[in-house]
């Protein structure tokens, strides 16, 4: 019997998010070794001047925050797979995604002020939009769960 696409899609997304969490975790561990292999010329063009430590700290912070955001999205997808779309915890997960993306936007804005490169402010704006979207979605889930629990008569 063929499964419905609405049931299959969250499971497929969950699989790819699990894969992303695994590879980001490995990348977080491998960052110091990757940066040691890069020539100083590449570091000075794209990152914090000649500072190996500043570039490494920046990328480790960004990777850790992004890993936390993906983990929260994974939790939301798990509730979707279980069938409770407007569960109690989904607004909390979405609010955490919002807060983490605003922190990540702040990190990118700080890098823009310290060492400007063109993609950095664009990434900051992208994470601001992700934060706003997650915040609005969280409020929507709160209102929808309130409507579900207290239907109008």
Foldseek 3Di string as FASTA:
>chain_A
DDDDPLLVVLVVVLVVLVVVLVVLVVCLVCLVVVLVPDDQVVCCVPHQHSDSVVRNVLVNLLSVLVSLLSVLVSVQSVCVNVPCNLDPCNLVSLQSNLVSLQVNLVSLVVRCVRPNDVCSNVSSVVSNVSSVVSNVVSVVSVVVVVCVVPPDD
